[in-house]
């Protein structure tokens, strides 16, 4: 039997770190409806919190993105909502 889920994710402009999105896919996260689990991704998330440099942290995020969007695909993104905002003057 196949189960389908539909959910969305948004963040406030003051907290736009990629960790917030990737953390939604951590094993046993309370809001992770697909119940996908990957110990390697959990370890990469932990490592991103203590990465010595921004480059190291973004390399971990790139590996997470590849796992989520290419290798295992626990969810299928259907669209990205884009809002263009005028710069504050």
PDB file of N, CA and C in Angstrom:
ATOM      1  N   UNK A   1       0.835  -1.169   0.000  1.00  0.00           N
ATOM      2  CA  UNK A   1       0.000   0.000   0.000  1.00  0.00           C
ATOM      3  C   UNK A   1       0.889   1.245   0.000  1.00  0.00           C
ATOM      4  N   UNK A   2       0.559   2.220  -0.811  1.00  0.00           N
ATOM      5  CA  UNK A   2       1.301   3.462  -0.905  1.00  0.00           C
ATOM      6  C   UNK A   2       0.562   4.551  -0.154  1.00  0.00           C
ATOM      7  N   UNK A   3       1.303   5.330   0.594  1.00  0.00           N
ATOM      8  CA  UNK A   3       0.721   6.444   1.331  1.00  0.00           C
ATOM      9  C   UNK A   3       1.230   7.748   0.752  1.00  0.00           C
ATOM     10  N   UNK A   4       0.336   8.698   0.575  1.00  0.00           N
ATOM     11  CA  UNK A   4       0.706  10.009   0.055  1.00  0.00           C
ATOM     12  C   UNK A   4       0.469  11.064   1.117  1.00  0.00           C
ATOM     13  N   UNK A   5       1.342  12.065   1.146  1.00  0.00           N
ATOM     14  CA  UNK A   5       1.211  13.176   2.082  1.00  0.00           C
ATOM     15  C   UNK A   5       1.391  14.475   1.318  1.00  0.00           C
ATOM     16  N   UNK A   6       0.749  15.480   1.782  1.00  0.00           N
ATOM     17  CA  UNK A   6       0.923  16.823   1.237  1.00  0.00           C
ATOM     18  C   UNK A   6       1.190  17.749   2.410  1.00  0.00           C
ATOM     19  N   UNK A   7       2.308  18.433   2.384  1.00  0.00           N
ATOM     20  CA  UNK A   7       2.584  19.380   3.452  1.00  0.00           C
ATOM     21  C   UNK A   7       3.430  20.519   2.913  1.00  0.00           C
ATOM     22  N   UNK A   8       3.436  21.597   3.627  1.00  0.00           N
ATOM     23  CA  UNK A   8       4.209  22.758   3.217  1.00  0.00           C
ATOM     24  C   UNK A   8       5.162  23.169   4.316  1.00  0.00           C
ATOM     25  N   UNK A   9       6.073  24.037   3.977  1.00  0.00           N
ATOM     26  CA  UNK A   9       7.052  24.523   4.935  1.00  0.00           C
ATOM     27  C   UNK A   9       7.325  25.980   4.606  1.00  0.00           C
ATOM     28  N   UNK A  10       7.411  26.787   5.626  1.00  0.00           N
ATOM     29  CA  UNK A  10       7.724  28.201   5.451  1.00  0.00           C
ATOM     30  C   UNK A  10       8.587  28.648   6.626  1.00  0.00           C
ATOM     31  N   UNK A  11       9.261  29.735   6.432  1.00  0.00           N
ATOM     32  CA  UNK A  11      10.098  30.282   7.493  1.00  0.00           C
ATOM     33  C   UNK A  11       9.926  31.788   7.543  1.00  0.00           C
ATOM     34  N   UNK A  12      10.301  32.364   8.633  1.00  0.00           N
ATOM     35  CA  UNK A  12      10.231  33.819   8.746  1.00  0.00           C
ATOM     36  C   UNK A  12      11.489  34.426   8.141  1.00  0.00           C
ATOM     37  N   UNK A  13      11.419  35.661   7.688  1.00  0.00           N
ATOM     38  CA  UNK A  13      12.606  36.295   7.096  1.00  0.00           C
ATOM     39  C   UNK A  13      13.779  36.396   8.056  1.00  0.00           C
ATOM     40  N   UNK A  14      13.527  36.371   9.349  1.00  0.00           N
ATOM     41  CA  UNK A  14      14.616  36.496  10.307  1.00  0.00           C
ATOM     42  C   UNK A  14      15.367  35.183  10.546  1.00  0.00           C
ATOM     43  N   UNK A  15      14.822  34.068  10.096  1.00  0.00           N
ATOM     44  CA  UNK A  15      15.499  32.782  10.296  1.00  0.00           C
ATOM     45  C   UNK A  15      15.446  31.962   9.011  1.00  0.00           C
ATOM     46  N   UNK A  16      16.386  32.239   8.125  1.00  0.00           N
ATOM     47  CA  UNK A  16      16.369  31.594   6.812  1.00  0.00           C
ATOM     48  C   UNK A  16      17.524  30.616   6.628  1.00  0.00           C
ATOM     49  N   UNK A  17      18.059  30.081   7.710  1.00  0.00           N
ATOM     50  CA  UNK A  17      19.145  29.131   7.595  1.00  0.00           C
ATOM     51  C   UNK A  17      18.637  27.809   7.024  1.00  0.00           C
ATOM     52  N   UNK A  18      19.415  27.205   6.151  1.00  0.00           N
ATOM     53  CA  UNK A  18      19.023  25.947   5.511  1.00  0.00           C
ATOM     54  C   UNK A  18      18.826  24.821   6.517  1.00  0.00           C
ATOM     55  N   UNK A  19      19.478  24.913   7.671  1.00  0.00           N
ATOM     56  CA  UNK A  19      19.328  23.868   8.693  1.00  0.00           C
ATOM     57  C   UNK A  19      17.857  23.669   9.074  1.00  0.00           C
ATOM     58  N   UNK A  20      17.108  24.751   9.157  1.00  0.00           N
ATOM     59  CA  UNK A  20      15.702  24.651   9.555  1.00  0.00           C
ATOM     60  C   UNK A  20      14.912  23.761   8.600  1.00  0.00           C
ATOM     61  N   UNK A  21      15.192  23.864   7.314  1.00  0.00           N
ATOM     62  CA  UNK A  21      14.518  23.012   6.339  1.00  0.00           C
ATOM     63  C   UNK A  21      15.014  21.571   6.430  1.00  0.00           C
ATOM     64  N   UNK A  22      16.327  21.381   6.416  1.00  0.00           N
ATOM     65  CA  UNK A  22      16.871  20.024   6.443  1.00  0.00           C
ATOM     66  C   UNK A  22      16.500  19.277   7.720  1.00  0.00           C
ATOM     67  N   UNK A  23      16.409  19.985   8.829  1.00  0.00           N
ATOM     68  CA  UNK A  23      16.069  19.346  10.092  1.00  0.00           C
ATOM     69  C   UNK A  23      14.673  18.707  10.059  1.00  0.00           C
ATOM     70  N   UNK A  24      13.800  19.188   9.188  1.00  0.00           N
ATOM     71  CA  UNK A  24      12.475  18.571   9.051  1.00  0.00           C
ATOM     72  C   UNK A  24      12.563  17.114   8.593  1.00  0.00           C
ATOM     73  N   UNK A  25      13.677  16.730   7.996  1.00  0.00           N
ATOM     74  CA  UNK A  25      13.850  15.362   7.497  1.00  0.00           C
ATOM     75  C   UNK A  25      14.683  14.495   8.429  1.00  0.00           C
ATOM     76  N   UNK A  26      14.987  15.011   9.611  1.00  0.00           N
ATOM     77  CA  UNK A  26      15.706  14.208  10.586  1.00  0.00           C
ATOM     78  C   UNK A  26      14.840  13.015  10.986  1.00  0.00           C
ATOM     79  N   UNK A  27      15.468  11.869  11.173  1.00  0.00           N
ATOM     80  CA  UNK A  27      14.730  10.676  11.611  1.00  0.00           C
ATOM     81  C   UNK A  27      13.952  10.996  12.879  1.00  0.00           C
ATOM     82  N   UNK A  28      12.723  10.577  12.917  1.00  0.00           N
ATOM     83  CA  UNK A  28      11.822  10.748  14.064  1.00  0.00           C
ATOM     84  C   UNK A  28      11.470  12.202  14.390  1.00  0.00           C
ATOM     85  N   UNK A  29      11.645  13.130  13.434  1.00  0.00           N
ATOM     86  CA  UNK A  29      11.192  14.506  13.665  1.00  0.00           C
ATOM     87  C   UNK A  29       9.665  14.485  13.738  1.00  0.00           C
ATOM     88  N   UNK A  30       9.100  15.179  14.687  1.00  0.00           N
ATOM     89  CA  UNK A  30       7.650  15.095  14.917  1.00  0.00           C
ATOM     90  C   UNK A  30       6.819  15.598  13.741  1.00  0.00           C
ATOM     91  N   UNK A  31       7.371  16.446  12.885  1.00  0.00           N
ATOM     92  CA  UNK A  31       6.612  16.962  11.743  1.00  0.00           C
ATOM     93  C   UNK A  31       7.000  16.292  10.428  1.00  0.00           C
ATOM     94  N   UNK A  32       7.765  15.219  10.482  1.00  0.00           N
ATOM     95  CA  UNK A  32       8.200  14.544   9.271  1.00  0.00           C
ATOM     96  C   UNK A  32       7.191  13.460   8.912  1.00  0.00           C
ATOM     97  N   UNK A  33       6.209  13.818   8.126  1.00  0.00           N
ATOM     98  CA  UNK A  33       5.103  12.910   7.827  1.00  0.00           C
ATOM     99  C   UNK A  33       5.494  11.664   7.041  1.00  0.00           C
ATOM    100  N   UNK A  34       6.438  11.723   6.106  1.00  0.00           N
ATOM    101  CA  UNK A  34       6.783  10.487   5.379  1.00  0.00           C
ATOM    102  C   UNK A  34       7.467   9.428   6.240  1.00  0.00           C
ATOM    103  N   UNK A  35       7.942   9.796   7.416  1.00  0.00           N
ATOM    104  CA  UNK A  35       8.644   8.879   8.328  1.00  0.00           C
ATOM    105  C   UNK A  35       9.897   8.281   7.695  1.00  0.00           C
ATOM    106  N   UNK A  36      10.534   9.060   6.841  1.00  0.00           N
ATOM    107  CA  UNK A  36      11.777   8.663   6.202  1.00  0.00           C
ATOM    108  C   UNK A  36      12.894   8.704   7.235  1.00  0.00           C
ATOM    109  N   UNK A  37      13.851   7.814   7.135  1.00  0.00           N
ATOM    110  CA  UNK A  37      14.932   7.754   8.106  1.00  0.00           C
ATOM    111  C   UNK A  37      16.244   7.453   7.394  1.00  0.00           C
ATOM    112  N   UNK A  38      17.287   8.226   7.745  1.00  0.00           N
ATOM    113  CA  UNK A  38      18.600   8.011   7.160  1.00  0.00           C
ATOM    114  C   UNK A  38      19.635   8.458   8.194  1.00  0.00           C
ATOM    115  N   UNK A  39      20.335   7.519   8.796  1.00  0.00           N
ATOM    116  CA  UNK A  39      21.307   7.820   9.857  1.00  0.00           C
ATOM    117  C   UNK A  39      22.441   8.709   9.360  1.00  0.00           C
ATOM    118  N   UNK A  40      22.869   8.539   8.105  1.00  0.00           N
ATOM    119  CA  UNK A  40      23.935   9.366   7.549  1.00  0.00           C
ATOM    120  C   UNK A  40      23.498  10.824   7.471  1.00  0.00           C
ATOM    121  N   UNK A  41      22.264  11.057   7.089  1.00  0.00           N
ATOM    122  CA  UNK A  41      21.749  12.425   7.041  1.00  0.00           C
ATOM    123  C   UNK A  41      21.632  13.012   8.439  1.00  0.00           C
ATOM    124  N   UNK A  42      21.206  12.225   9.395  1.00  0.00           N
ATOM    125  CA  UNK A  42      21.138  12.701  10.782  1.00  0.00           C
ATOM    126  C   UNK A  42      22.525  13.126  11.274  1.00  0.00           C
ATOM    127  N   UNK A  43      23.546  12.353  10.942  1.00  0.00           N
ATOM    128  CA  UNK A  43      24.915  12.678  11.350  1.00  0.00           C
ATOM    129  C   UNK A  43      25.400  13.951  10.654  1.00  0.00           C
ATOM    130  N   UNK A  44      25.036  14.123   9.378  1.00  0.00           N
ATOM    131  CA  UNK A  44      25.426  15.336   8.650  1.00  0.00           C
ATOM    132  C   UNK A  44      24.747  16.567   9.251  1.00  0.00           C
ATOM    133  N   UNK A  45      23.501  16.419   9.679  1.00  0.00           N
ATOM    134  CA  UNK A  45      22.811  17.527  10.344  1.00  0.00           C
ATOM    135  C   UNK A  45      23.513  17.902  11.641  1.00  0.00           C
ATOM    136  N   UNK A  46      23.887  16.903  12.425  1.00  0.00           N
ATOM    137  CA  UNK A  46      24.618  17.161  13.666  1.00  0.00           C
ATOM    138  C   UNK A  46      25.953  17.860  13.373  1.00  0.00           C
ATOM    139  N   UNK A  47      26.655  17.385  12.355  1.00  0.00           N
ATOM    140  CA  UNK A  47      27.953  17.964  12.000  1.00  0.00           C
ATOM    141  C   UNK A  47      27.809  19.400  11.507  1.00  0.00           C
ATOM    142  N   UNK A  48      26.707  19.713  10.841  1.00  0.00           N
ATOM    143  CA  UNK A  48      26.518  21.079  10.334  1.00  0.00           C
ATOM    144  C   UNK A  48      26.400  22.094  11.468  1.00  0.00           C
ATOM    145  N   UNK A  49      25.947  21.650  12.617  1.00  0.00           N
ATOM    146  CA  UNK A  49      25.799  22.560  13.759  1.00  0.00           C
ATOM    147  C   UNK A  49      27.138  22.936  14.393  1.00  0.00           C
ATOM    148  N   UNK A  50      28.143  22.101  14.182  1.00  0.00           N
ATOM    149  CA  UNK A  50      29.462  22.367  14.774  1.00  0.00           C
ATOM    150  C   UNK A  50      30.554  22.551  13.714  1.00  0.00           C
ATOM    151  N   UNK A  51      30.153  22.773  12.473  1.00  0.00           N
ATOM    152  CA  UNK A  51      31.128  22.946  11.393  1.00  0.00           C
ATOM    153  C   UNK A  51      32.022  24.152  11.689  1.00  0.00           C
ATOM    154  N   UNK A  52      33.293  24.012  11.373  1.00  0.00           N
ATOM    155  CA  UNK A  52      34.271  25.058  11.680  1.00  0.00           C
ATOM    156  C   UNK A  52      34.127  26.272  10.753  1.00  0.00           C
ATOM    157  N   UNK A  53      33.695  26.029   9.517  1.00  0.00           N
ATOM    158  CA  UNK A  53      33.577  27.124   8.552  1.00  0.00           C
ATOM    159  C   UNK A  53      32.227  27.054   7.833  1.00  0.00           C
ATOM    160  N   UNK A  54      31.852  28.185   7.246  1.00  0.00           N
ATOM    161  CA  UNK A  54      30.632  28.225   6.440  1.00  0.00           C
ATOM    162  C   UNK A  54      30.755  27.283   5.235  1.00  0.00           C
ATOM    163  N   UNK A  55      31.930  27.222   4.638  1.00  0.00           N
ATOM    164  CA  UNK A  55      32.147  26.350   3.482  1.00  0.00           C
ATOM    165  C   UNK A  55      31.917  24.891   3.854  1.00  0.00           C
ATOM    166  N   UNK A  56      32.397  24.490   5.021  1.00  0.00           N
ATOM    167  CA  UNK A  56      32.201  23.116   5.481  1.00  0.00           C
ATOM    168  C   UNK A  56      30.708  22.838   5.710  1.00  0.00           C
ATOM    169  N   UNK A  57      30.038  23.805   6.327  1.00  0.00           N
ATOM    170  CA  UNK A  57      28.610  23.636   6.606  1.00  0.00           C
ATOM    171  C   UNK A  57      27.808  23.523   5.302  1.00  0.00           C
ATOM    172  N   UNK A  58      28.121  24.380   4.323  1.00  0.00           N
ATOM    173  CA  UNK A  58      27.380  24.331   3.064  1.00  0.00           C
ATOM    174  C   UNK A  58      27.717  23.081   2.249  1.00  0.00           C
ATOM    175  N   UNK A  59      28.901  22.532   2.417  1.00  0.00           N
ATOM    176  CA  UNK A  59      29.222  21.255   1.764  1.00  0.00           C
ATOM    177  C   UNK A  59      28.353  20.135   2.343  1.00  0.00           C
ATOM    178  N   UNK A  60      28.135  20.165   3.661  1.00  0.00           N
ATOM    179  CA  UNK A  60      27.236  19.187   4.289  1.00  0.00           C
ATOM    180  C   UNK A  60      25.807  19.360   3.776  1.00  0.00           C
ATOM    181  N   UNK A  61      25.366  20.613   3.652  1.00  0.00           N
ATOM    182  CA  UNK A  61      24.018  20.874   3.133  1.00  0.00           C
ATOM    183  C   UNK A  61      23.875  20.397   1.687  1.00  0.00           C
ATOM    184  N   UNK A  62      24.925  20.569   0.885  1.00  0.00           N
ATOM    185  CA  UNK A  62      24.876  20.108  -0.508  1.00  0.00           C
ATOM    186  C   UNK A  62      24.722  18.588  -0.563  1.00  0.00           C
ATOM    187  N   UNK A  63      25.416  17.883   0.318  1.00  0.00           N
ATOM    188  CA  UNK A  63      25.286  16.420   0.361  1.00  0.00           C
ATOM    189  C   UNK A  63      23.882  16.020   0.820  1.00  0.00           C
ATOM    190  N   UNK A  64      23.335  16.744   1.796  1.00  0.00           N
ATOM    191  CA  UNK A  64      21.963  16.472   2.249  1.00  0.00           C
ATOM    192  C   UNK A  64      20.969  16.700   1.120  1.00  0.00           C
ATOM    193  N   UNK A  65      21.145  17.798   0.394  1.00  0.00           N
ATOM    194  CA  UNK A  65      20.240  18.106  -0.709  1.00  0.00           C
ATOM    195  C   UNK A  65      20.289  17.016  -1.784  1.00  0.00           C
ATOM    196  N   UNK A  66      21.482  16.523  -2.088  1.00  0.00           N
ATOM    197  CA  UNK A  66      21.614  15.451  -3.082  1.00  0.00           C
ATOM    198  C   UNK A  66      20.877  14.197  -2.611  1.00  0.00           C
ATOM    199  N   UNK A  67      21.034  13.849  -1.343  1.00  0.00           N
ATOM    200  CA  UNK A  67      20.346  12.669  -0.815  1.00  0.00           C
ATOM    201  C   UNK A  67      18.833  12.856  -0.890  1.00  0.00           C
ATOM    202  N   UNK A  68      18.355  14.032  -0.480  1.00  0.00           N
ATOM    203  CA  UNK A  68      16.911  14.278  -0.444  1.00  0.00           C
ATOM    204  C   UNK A  68      16.288  14.426  -1.825  1.00  0.00           C
ATOM    205  N   UNK A  69      17.001  15.067  -2.752  1.00  0.00           N
ATOM    206  CA  UNK A  69      16.400  15.414  -4.040  1.00  0.00           C
ATOM    207  C   UNK A  69      16.810  14.523  -5.204  1.00  0.00           C
ATOM    208  N   UNK A  70      17.833  13.690  -5.019  1.00  0.00           N
ATOM    209  CA  UNK A  70      18.301  12.850  -6.121  1.00  0.00           C
ATOM    210  C   UNK A  70      18.337  11.374  -5.734  1.00  0.00           C
ATOM    211  N   UNK A  71      19.044  11.062  -4.655  1.00  0.00           N
ATOM    212  CA  UNK A  71      19.308   9.664  -4.319  1.00  0.00           C
ATOM    213  C   UNK A  71      18.108   8.930  -3.735  1.00  0.00           C
ATOM    214  N   UNK A  72      17.461   9.530  -2.731  1.00  0.00           N
ATOM    215  CA  UNK A  72      16.394   8.801  -2.041  1.00  0.00           C
ATOM    216  C   UNK A  72      15.008   9.380  -2.258  1.00  0.00           C
ATOM    217  N   UNK A  73      14.906  10.656  -2.440  1.00  0.00           N
ATOM    218  CA  UNK A  73      13.659  11.351  -2.769  1.00  0.00           C
ATOM    219  C   UNK A  73      12.480  10.959  -1.866  1.00  0.00           C
ATOM    220  N   UNK A  74      12.595  11.235  -0.545  1.00  0.00           N
ATOM    221  CA  UNK A  74      11.494  10.887   0.356  1.00  0.00           C
ATOM    222  C   UNK A  74      10.249  11.738   0.130  1.00  0.00           C
ATOM    223  N   UNK A  75      10.422  12.913  -0.459  1.00  0.00           N
ATOM    224  CA  UNK A  75       9.293  13.762  -0.832  1.00  0.00           C
ATOM    225  C   UNK A  75       9.552  14.289  -2.237  1.00  0.00           C
ATOM    226  N   UNK A  76       8.497  14.674  -2.908  1.00  0.00           N
ATOM    227  CA  UNK A  76       8.626  15.236  -4.248  1.00  0.00           C
ATOM    228  C   UNK A  76       8.144  16.681  -4.198  1.00  0.00           C
ATOM    229  N   UNK A  77       9.061  17.648  -4.346  1.00  0.00           N
ATOM    230  CA  UNK A  77       8.631  19.046  -4.333  1.00  0.00           C
ATOM    231  C   UNK A  77       7.841  19.362  -5.604  1.00  0.00           C
ATOM    232  N   UNK A  78       6.636  19.846  -5.432  1.00  0.00           N
ATOM    233  CA  UNK A  78       5.781  20.145  -6.577  1.00  0.00           C
ATOM    234  C   UNK A  78       5.932  21.583  -7.056  1.00  0.00           C
ATOM    235  N   UNK A  79       6.177  22.491  -6.127  1.00  0.00           N
ATOM    236  CA  UNK A  79       6.396  23.871  -6.516  1.00  0.00           C
ATOM    237  C   UNK A  79       7.081  24.627  -5.392  1.00  0.00           C
ATOM    238  N   UNK A  80       7.682  25.741  -5.763  1.00  0.00           N
ATOM    239  CA  UNK A  80       8.280  26.656  -4.805  1.00  0.00           C
ATOM    240  C   UNK A  80       7.525  27.963  -4.937  1.00  0.00           C
ATOM    241  N   UNK A  81       6.996  28.443  -3.849  1.00  0.00           N
ATOM    242  CA  UNK A  81       6.321  29.734  -3.864  1.00  0.00           C
ATOM    243  C   UNK A  81       7.381  30.819  -3.773  1.00  0.00           C
ATOM    244  N   UNK A  82       7.329  31.736  -4.701  1.00  0.00           N
ATOM    245  CA  UNK A  82       8.300  32.821  -4.736  1.00  0.00           C
ATOM    246  C   UNK A  82       7.549  34.140  -4.659  1.00  0.00           C
ATOM    247  N   UNK A  83       7.906  34.937  -3.693  1.00  0.00           N
ATOM    248  CA  UNK A  83       7.325  36.271  -3.568  1.00  0.00           C
ATOM    249  C   UNK A  83       8.446  37.275  -3.712  1.00  0.00           C
ATOM    250  N   UNK A  84       8.257  38.181  -4.604  1.00  0.00           N
ATOM    251  CA  UNK A  84       9.259  39.232  -4.775  1.00  0.00           C
ATOM    252  C   UNK A  84       8.865  40.391  -3.874  1.00  0.00           C
ATOM    253  N   UNK A  85       9.818  40.838  -3.128  1.00  0.00           N
ATOM    254  CA  UNK A  85       9.556  41.933  -2.189  1.00  0.00           C
ATOM    255  C   UNK A  85      10.396  43.154  -2.607  1.00  0.00           C
ATOM    256  N   UNK A  86       9.771  44.298  -2.455  1.00  0.00           N
ATOM    257  CA  UNK A  86      10.504  45.527  -2.726  1.00  0.00           C
ATOM    258  C   UNK A  86      11.502  45.764  -1.603  1.00  0.00           C
ATOM    259  N   UNK A  87      12.673  46.243  -1.936  1.00  0.00           N
ATOM    260  CA  UNK A  87      13.638  46.565  -0.874  1.00  0.00           C
ATOM    261  C   UNK A  87      13.092  47.681   0.015  1.00  0.00           C
ATOM    262  N   UNK A  88      13.402  47.607   1.282  1.00  0.00           N
ATOM    263  CA  UNK A  88      13.003  48.664   2.213  1.00  0.00           C
ATOM    264  C   UNK A  88      13.752  49.935   1.856  1.00  0.00           C
ATOM    265  N   UNK A  89      13.072  51.062   1.878  1.00  0.00           N
ATOM    266  CA  UNK A  89      13.762  52.338   1.566  1.00  0.00           C
ATOM    267  C   UNK A  89      13.743  53.243   2.762  1.00  0.00           C
TER     268      UNK A  89
END
